[in-house]
N, C-alpha and C. Protein backbone atom coordinates (compact mmCIF):
# COMPACT_ATOMS: atom_id res chain seq x y z
N MET A 1 89.93 89.77 -238.42
CA MET A 1 89.87 89.00 -237.20
C MET A 1 89.05 89.78 -236.16
N SER A 2 88.05 89.11 -235.62
CA SER A 2 87.21 89.80 -234.62
C SER A 2 87.66 89.44 -233.21
N ARG A 3 87.62 90.45 -232.40
CA ARG A 3 88.00 90.24 -230.99
C ARG A 3 86.76 90.44 -230.13
N ARG A 4 86.69 89.65 -229.09
CA ARG A 4 85.57 89.81 -228.16
C ARG A 4 85.82 91.02 -227.30
N LYS A 5 84.74 91.73 -227.06
CA LYS A 5 84.84 92.92 -226.23
C LYS A 5 84.94 92.51 -224.76
N ASP A 6 85.75 93.25 -224.03
CA ASP A 6 85.91 93.00 -222.60
C ASP A 6 84.55 93.21 -221.92
N PRO A 7 84.01 92.21 -221.20
CA PRO A 7 82.71 92.36 -220.56
C PRO A 7 82.62 93.57 -219.65
N ALA A 8 83.71 93.98 -219.04
CA ALA A 8 83.69 95.13 -218.14
C ALA A 8 83.49 96.44 -218.88
N SER A 9 83.81 96.46 -220.17
CA SER A 9 83.69 97.72 -220.93
C SER A 9 82.39 97.79 -221.73
N ARG A 10 81.52 96.81 -221.59
CA ARG A 10 80.26 96.83 -222.34
C ARG A 10 79.33 97.88 -221.76
N ALA A 11 78.60 98.54 -222.65
CA ALA A 11 77.64 99.56 -222.21
C ALA A 11 76.43 98.91 -221.55
N ARG A 12 76.06 97.78 -222.02
CA ARG A 12 74.87 97.11 -221.50
C ARG A 12 75.29 95.98 -220.56
N ARG A 13 74.88 96.09 -219.35
CA ARG A 13 75.22 95.07 -218.36
C ARG A 13 73.95 94.46 -217.80
N ASN A 14 73.54 93.37 -218.38
CA ASN A 14 72.34 92.70 -217.89
C ASN A 14 72.64 92.08 -216.53
N PRO A 15 71.67 92.12 -215.63
CA PRO A 15 71.90 91.54 -214.30
C PRO A 15 72.07 90.02 -214.40
N GLU A 16 72.67 89.46 -213.40
CA GLU A 16 72.82 88.02 -213.34
C GLU A 16 71.44 87.38 -213.35
N LYS A 17 71.39 86.17 -213.85
CA LYS A 17 70.13 85.44 -213.85
C LYS A 17 69.67 85.23 -212.42
N ILE A 18 68.38 85.35 -212.20
CA ILE A 18 67.81 85.14 -210.87
C ILE A 18 67.87 83.65 -210.57
N PRO A 19 68.40 83.27 -209.43
CA PRO A 19 68.49 81.84 -209.12
C PRO A 19 67.13 81.23 -208.88
N PHE A 20 67.00 79.95 -209.16
CA PHE A 20 65.77 79.24 -208.91
C PHE A 20 65.53 79.16 -207.40
N LYS A 21 64.28 79.26 -207.01
CA LYS A 21 63.91 79.05 -205.61
C LYS A 21 63.29 77.66 -205.53
N ILE A 22 63.86 76.81 -204.76
CA ILE A 22 63.42 75.42 -204.66
C ILE A 22 62.41 75.29 -203.53
N MET A 23 61.24 74.79 -203.86
CA MET A 23 60.19 74.59 -202.88
C MET A 23 59.62 73.19 -203.08
N GLU A 24 59.32 72.54 -201.99
CA GLU A 24 58.68 71.25 -202.08
C GLU A 24 57.18 71.44 -201.93
N LEU A 25 56.44 71.07 -202.96
CA LEU A 25 54.99 71.26 -202.94
C LEU A 25 54.29 69.90 -202.99
N GLU A 26 53.15 69.85 -202.36
CA GLU A 26 52.38 68.63 -202.31
C GLU A 26 51.38 68.59 -203.46
N PRO A 27 51.50 67.63 -204.39
CA PRO A 27 50.52 67.52 -205.46
C PRO A 27 49.13 67.23 -204.89
N ALA A 28 48.11 67.72 -205.57
CA ALA A 28 46.72 67.53 -205.12
C ALA A 28 45.91 66.89 -206.23
N PRO A 29 44.92 66.09 -205.87
CA PRO A 29 44.06 65.51 -206.90
C PRO A 29 43.12 66.56 -207.49
N GLN A 30 42.66 66.28 -208.69
CA GLN A 30 41.73 67.21 -209.35
C GLN A 30 40.39 67.22 -208.60
N PRO A 31 39.90 68.41 -208.25
CA PRO A 31 38.58 68.47 -207.60
C PRO A 31 37.48 68.25 -208.64
N SER A 32 36.30 67.97 -208.16
CA SER A 32 35.15 67.83 -209.05
C SER A 32 34.71 69.22 -209.55
N LEU A 33 34.22 69.24 -210.76
CA LEU A 33 33.66 70.48 -211.29
C LEU A 33 32.32 70.73 -210.60
N PRO A 34 32.12 71.90 -210.03
CA PRO A 34 30.83 72.16 -209.36
C PRO A 34 29.67 72.05 -210.36
N ALA A 35 28.47 71.93 -209.85
CA ALA A 35 27.29 71.80 -210.70
C ALA A 35 26.99 73.08 -211.46
N HIS A 36 27.37 74.23 -210.86
CA HIS A 36 27.05 75.52 -211.50
C HIS A 36 28.05 76.58 -211.03
N PHE A 37 27.99 77.72 -211.68
CA PHE A 37 28.75 78.90 -211.25
C PHE A 37 27.79 80.07 -211.26
N VAL A 38 28.15 81.14 -210.59
CA VAL A 38 27.29 82.31 -210.51
C VAL A 38 27.82 83.37 -211.47
N TYR A 39 26.91 83.87 -212.32
CA TYR A 39 27.26 84.93 -213.26
C TYR A 39 26.10 85.92 -213.30
N ASP A 40 26.42 87.16 -213.04
CA ASP A 40 25.40 88.23 -213.06
C ASP A 40 24.23 87.90 -212.14
N GLY A 41 24.55 87.30 -210.99
CA GLY A 41 23.52 86.98 -210.01
C GLY A 41 22.72 85.73 -210.32
N ARG A 42 23.05 85.04 -211.40
CA ARG A 42 22.31 83.81 -211.77
C ARG A 42 23.19 82.59 -211.60
N ARG A 43 22.57 81.49 -211.23
CA ARG A 43 23.27 80.21 -211.16
C ARG A 43 23.20 79.57 -212.54
N ILE A 44 24.38 79.30 -213.12
CA ILE A 44 24.44 78.77 -214.47
C ILE A 44 25.19 77.44 -214.47
N LYS A 45 24.60 76.45 -215.12
CA LYS A 45 25.23 75.13 -215.22
C LYS A 45 26.43 75.24 -216.16
N PHE A 46 27.52 74.55 -215.85
CA PHE A 46 28.69 74.55 -216.72
C PHE A 46 28.32 73.99 -218.09
N HIS A 47 28.83 74.62 -219.13
CA HIS A 47 28.58 74.19 -220.50
C HIS A 47 29.12 72.78 -220.72
N SER A 48 28.50 72.00 -221.59
CA SER A 48 28.96 70.63 -221.84
C SER A 48 30.41 70.61 -222.36
N GLN A 49 30.80 71.62 -223.15
CA GLN A 49 32.19 71.70 -223.62
C GLN A 49 33.14 71.88 -222.44
N THR A 50 32.72 72.65 -221.45
CA THR A 50 33.56 72.87 -220.27
C THR A 50 33.65 71.59 -219.45
N GLN A 51 32.56 70.87 -219.33
CA GLN A 51 32.58 69.60 -218.60
C GLN A 51 33.53 68.62 -219.26
N SER A 52 33.51 68.56 -220.58
CA SER A 52 34.41 67.70 -221.33
C SER A 52 35.86 68.16 -221.15
N TRP A 53 36.08 69.47 -221.26
CA TRP A 53 37.41 70.06 -221.10
C TRP A 53 37.98 69.73 -219.71
N TRP A 54 37.15 69.84 -218.69
CA TRP A 54 37.57 69.55 -217.31
C TRP A 54 37.95 68.07 -217.16
N SER A 55 37.20 67.18 -217.79
CA SER A 55 37.52 65.75 -217.70
C SER A 55 38.82 65.44 -218.43
N HIS A 56 39.14 66.18 -219.49
CA HIS A 56 40.42 65.96 -220.19
C HIS A 56 41.60 66.27 -219.27
N TRP A 57 41.44 67.23 -218.39
CA TRP A 57 42.51 67.58 -217.48
C TRP A 57 42.79 66.44 -216.50
N ARG A 58 41.82 65.61 -216.23
CA ARG A 58 42.00 64.52 -215.28
C ARG A 58 43.09 63.57 -215.74
N THR A 59 43.16 63.31 -217.04
CA THR A 59 44.13 62.33 -217.57
C THR A 59 45.32 62.98 -218.27
N SER A 60 45.37 64.28 -218.32
CA SER A 60 46.46 64.96 -219.02
C SER A 60 47.78 64.86 -218.26
N PRO A 61 48.86 64.54 -218.96
CA PRO A 61 50.17 64.54 -218.29
C PRO A 61 50.59 65.95 -217.87
N LEU A 62 49.95 66.97 -218.41
CA LEU A 62 50.26 68.34 -218.04
C LEU A 62 49.87 68.64 -216.58
N ASN A 63 48.99 67.84 -216.00
CA ASN A 63 48.56 68.10 -214.62
C ASN A 63 49.49 67.45 -213.59
N ASN A 64 50.56 66.82 -214.06
CA ASN A 64 51.49 66.16 -213.16
C ASN A 64 52.08 67.16 -212.17
N GLY A 65 51.83 66.95 -210.89
CA GLY A 65 52.37 67.82 -209.87
C GLY A 65 51.52 69.04 -209.55
N PHE A 66 50.31 69.14 -210.10
CA PHE A 66 49.45 70.30 -209.79
C PHE A 66 49.18 70.35 -208.30
N THR A 67 49.28 71.54 -207.75
CA THR A 67 48.96 71.75 -206.34
C THR A 67 47.51 72.22 -206.26
N VAL A 68 47.03 72.39 -205.04
CA VAL A 68 45.68 72.87 -204.82
C VAL A 68 45.50 74.26 -205.45
N HIS A 69 46.57 75.05 -205.44
CA HIS A 69 46.50 76.40 -206.03
C HIS A 69 46.37 76.33 -207.55
N ASP A 70 47.07 75.38 -208.17
CA ASP A 70 46.94 75.19 -209.62
C ASP A 70 45.51 74.81 -209.98
N TRP A 71 44.94 73.87 -209.21
CA TRP A 71 43.57 73.45 -209.48
C TRP A 71 42.59 74.59 -209.24
N ASP A 72 42.82 75.41 -208.22
CA ASP A 72 41.95 76.57 -207.99
C ASP A 72 41.97 77.51 -209.19
N TYR A 73 43.15 77.77 -209.70
CA TYR A 73 43.28 78.67 -210.86
C TYR A 73 42.62 78.05 -212.08
N LEU A 74 42.78 76.74 -212.25
CA LEU A 74 42.17 76.06 -213.39
C LEU A 74 40.64 76.04 -213.24
N LEU A 75 40.14 75.96 -212.02
CA LEU A 75 38.69 76.00 -211.80
C LEU A 75 38.14 77.38 -212.15
N GLU A 76 38.87 78.44 -211.79
CA GLU A 76 38.47 79.79 -212.22
C GLU A 76 38.51 79.88 -213.74
N THR A 77 39.47 79.22 -214.36
CA THR A 77 39.56 79.20 -215.82
C THR A 77 38.38 78.45 -216.41
N ALA A 78 37.89 77.43 -215.73
CA ALA A 78 36.71 76.69 -216.19
C ALA A 78 35.49 77.61 -216.25
N ILE A 79 35.40 78.53 -215.32
CA ILE A 79 34.28 79.49 -215.34
C ILE A 79 34.40 80.39 -216.56
N VAL A 80 35.60 80.87 -216.84
CA VAL A 80 35.84 81.68 -218.04
C VAL A 80 35.50 80.87 -219.28
N HIS A 81 35.92 79.61 -219.30
CA HIS A 81 35.66 78.69 -220.42
C HIS A 81 34.15 78.56 -220.65
N SER A 82 33.43 78.34 -219.58
CA SER A 82 31.98 78.16 -219.70
C SER A 82 31.28 79.44 -220.14
N ARG A 83 31.70 80.57 -219.60
CA ARG A 83 31.13 81.86 -220.02
C ARG A 83 31.34 82.05 -221.52
N HIS A 84 32.51 81.68 -222.00
CA HIS A 84 32.81 81.78 -223.43
C HIS A 84 31.87 80.90 -224.25
N TRP A 85 31.73 79.62 -223.86
CA TRP A 85 30.91 78.70 -224.63
C TRP A 85 29.42 79.01 -224.52
N HIS A 86 29.00 79.61 -223.42
CA HIS A 86 27.59 80.04 -223.30
C HIS A 86 27.34 81.35 -224.05
N GLY A 87 28.39 82.05 -224.49
CA GLY A 87 28.24 83.32 -225.17
C GLY A 87 27.89 84.45 -224.23
N LEU A 88 28.26 84.31 -222.95
CA LEU A 88 27.91 85.31 -221.95
C LEU A 88 28.91 86.46 -221.87
N ASP A 89 30.13 86.21 -222.33
CA ASP A 89 31.18 87.20 -222.17
C ASP A 89 32.01 87.26 -223.44
N MET A 90 31.91 88.36 -224.17
CA MET A 90 32.62 88.50 -225.45
C MET A 90 34.13 88.63 -225.26
N LYS A 91 34.57 89.04 -224.09
CA LYS A 91 36.00 89.17 -223.82
C LYS A 91 36.60 87.90 -223.23
N ALA A 92 35.79 86.89 -223.04
CA ALA A 92 36.25 85.66 -222.39
C ALA A 92 37.27 84.91 -223.24
N ALA A 93 37.18 85.01 -224.55
CA ALA A 93 38.09 84.25 -225.42
C ALA A 93 39.55 84.64 -225.18
N SER A 94 39.83 85.94 -225.12
CA SER A 94 41.22 86.36 -224.92
C SER A 94 41.70 86.01 -223.51
N GLU A 95 40.84 86.17 -222.52
CA GLU A 95 41.20 85.79 -221.15
C GLU A 95 41.46 84.29 -221.07
N LEU A 96 40.61 83.51 -221.73
CA LEU A 96 40.76 82.06 -221.74
C LEU A 96 42.07 81.67 -222.40
N ARG A 97 42.38 82.25 -223.53
CA ARG A 97 43.62 81.93 -224.23
C ARG A 97 44.85 82.26 -223.37
N MET A 98 44.83 83.41 -222.71
CA MET A 98 45.95 83.80 -221.87
C MET A 98 46.11 82.82 -220.69
N ARG A 99 45.00 82.44 -220.07
CA ARG A 99 45.07 81.52 -218.94
C ARG A 99 45.54 80.13 -219.38
N MET A 100 45.03 79.67 -220.50
CA MET A 100 45.38 78.33 -221.00
C MET A 100 46.85 78.24 -221.39
N SER A 101 47.39 79.33 -221.91
CA SER A 101 48.81 79.33 -222.31
C SER A 101 49.72 79.08 -221.12
N ARG A 102 49.29 79.47 -219.94
CA ARG A 102 50.11 79.26 -218.73
C ARG A 102 50.20 77.79 -218.34
N PHE A 103 49.31 76.97 -218.91
CA PHE A 103 49.33 75.55 -218.59
C PHE A 103 49.91 74.71 -219.72
N GLY A 104 50.41 75.35 -220.79
CA GLY A 104 51.07 74.63 -221.86
C GLY A 104 50.13 73.81 -222.72
N VAL A 105 48.96 74.36 -223.04
CA VAL A 105 47.96 73.60 -223.77
C VAL A 105 48.33 73.35 -225.24
N THR A 106 48.86 74.34 -225.92
CA THR A 106 49.19 74.16 -227.34
C THR A 106 50.68 73.83 -227.50
N PRO A 107 51.08 73.30 -228.64
CA PRO A 107 52.51 73.05 -228.87
C PRO A 107 53.35 74.32 -228.70
N GLU A 108 52.84 75.44 -229.18
CA GLU A 108 53.57 76.71 -229.02
C GLU A 108 53.74 77.07 -227.54
N ASP A 109 52.66 76.89 -226.76
CA ASP A 109 52.74 77.18 -225.33
C ASP A 109 53.77 76.28 -224.65
N ARG A 110 53.77 75.00 -225.00
CA ARG A 110 54.73 74.08 -224.40
C ARG A 110 56.16 74.47 -224.77
N ALA A 111 56.36 74.93 -225.99
CA ALA A 111 57.70 75.37 -226.40
C ALA A 111 58.14 76.56 -225.56
N LYS A 112 57.25 77.53 -225.34
CA LYS A 112 57.59 78.69 -224.53
C LYS A 112 57.89 78.31 -223.08
N LEU A 113 57.19 77.30 -222.58
CA LEU A 113 57.40 76.85 -221.20
C LEU A 113 58.55 75.82 -221.10
N ARG A 114 59.15 75.54 -222.24
CA ARG A 114 60.27 74.60 -222.32
C ARG A 114 59.87 73.20 -221.87
N ILE A 115 58.67 72.79 -222.31
CA ILE A 115 58.17 71.45 -222.04
C ILE A 115 58.42 70.63 -223.31
N ILE A 116 59.09 69.51 -223.16
CA ILE A 116 59.38 68.64 -224.30
C ILE A 116 58.50 67.42 -224.19
N THR A 117 57.74 67.14 -225.22
CA THR A 117 56.88 65.95 -225.21
C THR A 117 57.64 64.80 -225.84
N VAL A 118 57.44 63.61 -225.31
CA VAL A 118 58.13 62.42 -225.80
C VAL A 118 57.16 61.26 -225.90
N ASP A 119 57.56 60.25 -226.67
CA ASP A 119 56.85 59.00 -226.66
C ASP A 119 57.85 57.92 -226.19
N ALA A 120 57.42 56.71 -226.09
CA ALA A 120 58.29 55.67 -225.55
C ALA A 120 59.56 55.51 -226.38
N ASP A 121 59.46 55.71 -227.69
CA ASP A 121 60.63 55.52 -228.56
C ASP A 121 61.65 56.64 -228.45
N THR A 122 61.23 57.84 -228.07
CA THR A 122 62.16 58.98 -228.05
C THR A 122 62.45 59.48 -226.64
N ARG A 123 61.94 58.83 -225.62
CA ARG A 123 62.08 59.29 -224.24
C ARG A 123 63.55 59.48 -223.83
N GLU A 124 64.38 58.46 -224.03
CA GLU A 124 65.78 58.57 -223.59
C GLU A 124 66.52 59.65 -224.37
N GLU A 125 66.30 59.71 -225.67
CA GLU A 125 66.97 60.72 -226.49
C GLU A 125 66.56 62.13 -226.08
N LYS A 126 65.28 62.36 -225.87
CA LYS A 126 64.79 63.69 -225.48
C LYS A 126 65.26 64.04 -224.07
N ALA A 127 65.31 63.06 -223.17
CA ALA A 127 65.78 63.33 -221.82
C ALA A 127 67.26 63.73 -221.85
N ARG A 128 68.05 63.09 -222.71
CA ARG A 128 69.46 63.46 -222.83
C ARG A 128 69.59 64.87 -223.40
N GLU A 129 68.78 65.19 -224.42
CA GLU A 129 68.80 66.54 -224.99
C GLU A 129 68.42 67.58 -223.94
N ALA A 130 67.39 67.29 -223.14
CA ALA A 130 66.96 68.22 -222.09
C ALA A 130 68.08 68.40 -221.06
N ALA A 131 68.74 67.31 -220.70
CA ALA A 131 69.83 67.41 -219.72
C ALA A 131 70.97 68.27 -220.28
N GLU A 132 71.26 68.12 -221.57
CA GLU A 132 72.32 68.93 -222.18
C GLU A 132 71.93 70.41 -222.19
N ARG A 133 70.67 70.70 -222.52
CA ARG A 133 70.21 72.09 -222.51
C ARG A 133 70.24 72.68 -221.11
N ASN A 134 69.78 71.89 -220.13
CA ASN A 134 69.77 72.36 -218.74
C ASN A 134 71.19 72.59 -218.22
N ALA A 135 72.14 71.84 -218.71
CA ALA A 135 73.52 72.01 -218.25
C ALA A 135 74.08 73.37 -218.67
N ARG A 136 73.51 73.96 -219.71
CA ARG A 136 73.97 75.26 -220.18
C ARG A 136 73.30 76.42 -219.46
N VAL A 137 72.33 76.13 -218.59
CA VAL A 137 71.61 77.19 -217.87
C VAL A 137 72.29 77.39 -216.53
N PRO A 138 72.82 78.60 -216.28
CA PRO A 138 73.50 78.82 -215.00
C PRO A 138 72.48 78.89 -213.86
N ILE A 139 72.79 78.15 -212.79
CA ILE A 139 71.92 78.13 -211.62
C ILE A 139 72.78 78.33 -210.39
N VAL A 140 72.30 79.13 -209.45
CA VAL A 140 73.05 79.42 -208.23
C VAL A 140 72.41 78.61 -207.10
N GLY A 141 73.26 78.02 -206.28
CA GLY A 141 72.75 77.31 -205.09
C GLY A 141 72.27 75.91 -205.43
N GLU A 142 71.63 75.26 -204.44
CA GLU A 142 71.09 73.93 -204.65
C GLU A 142 69.89 74.00 -205.56
N SER A 143 69.78 73.05 -206.45
CA SER A 143 68.65 73.09 -207.37
C SER A 143 68.38 71.73 -207.96
N ARG A 144 67.18 71.56 -208.47
CA ARG A 144 66.84 70.42 -209.31
C ARG A 144 66.55 70.99 -210.68
N ARG A 145 67.10 70.39 -211.67
CA ARG A 145 66.88 70.88 -213.03
C ARG A 145 65.60 70.25 -213.59
N LEU A 146 65.00 70.98 -214.52
CA LEU A 146 63.81 70.46 -215.19
C LEU A 146 64.22 69.35 -216.14
N THR A 147 63.36 68.38 -216.32
CA THR A 147 63.65 67.27 -217.23
C THR A 147 62.53 67.15 -218.23
N ALA A 148 62.76 66.36 -219.24
CA ALA A 148 61.74 66.16 -220.27
C ALA A 148 60.52 65.50 -219.68
N ILE A 149 59.38 65.85 -220.23
CA ILE A 149 58.12 65.23 -219.79
C ILE A 149 57.70 64.24 -220.83
């Protein structure tokens, strides 16, 4: 028969979870991709792959609620993207991958960010599952819980 150890006598005492900070942010529309960017003192037109990539963000559900700061960061990422596709920066691929993961681009990234994708047939079921998972996360103070996307 196993007994649970008294929490007060445990050697390892992890701190309490940090409470969520609730902020109301104003979503912003996607800005236009500039005609060029400056690299090594030269004006360079954005690569066609980058232009296509930028237009995909316009209709992506992942951009829901993006603020002006999110778009600024994504615009800087577009420069890294274009440098990569132009072959101007050999280190751009790893930087691009790191930046893109923060926006939940791949299924693995979305899993790490706890983003659940749904279709019309599974929306209610996935929203219920997300609510059940969120109910198990301790939160201090007033908060809004994340829901399925």
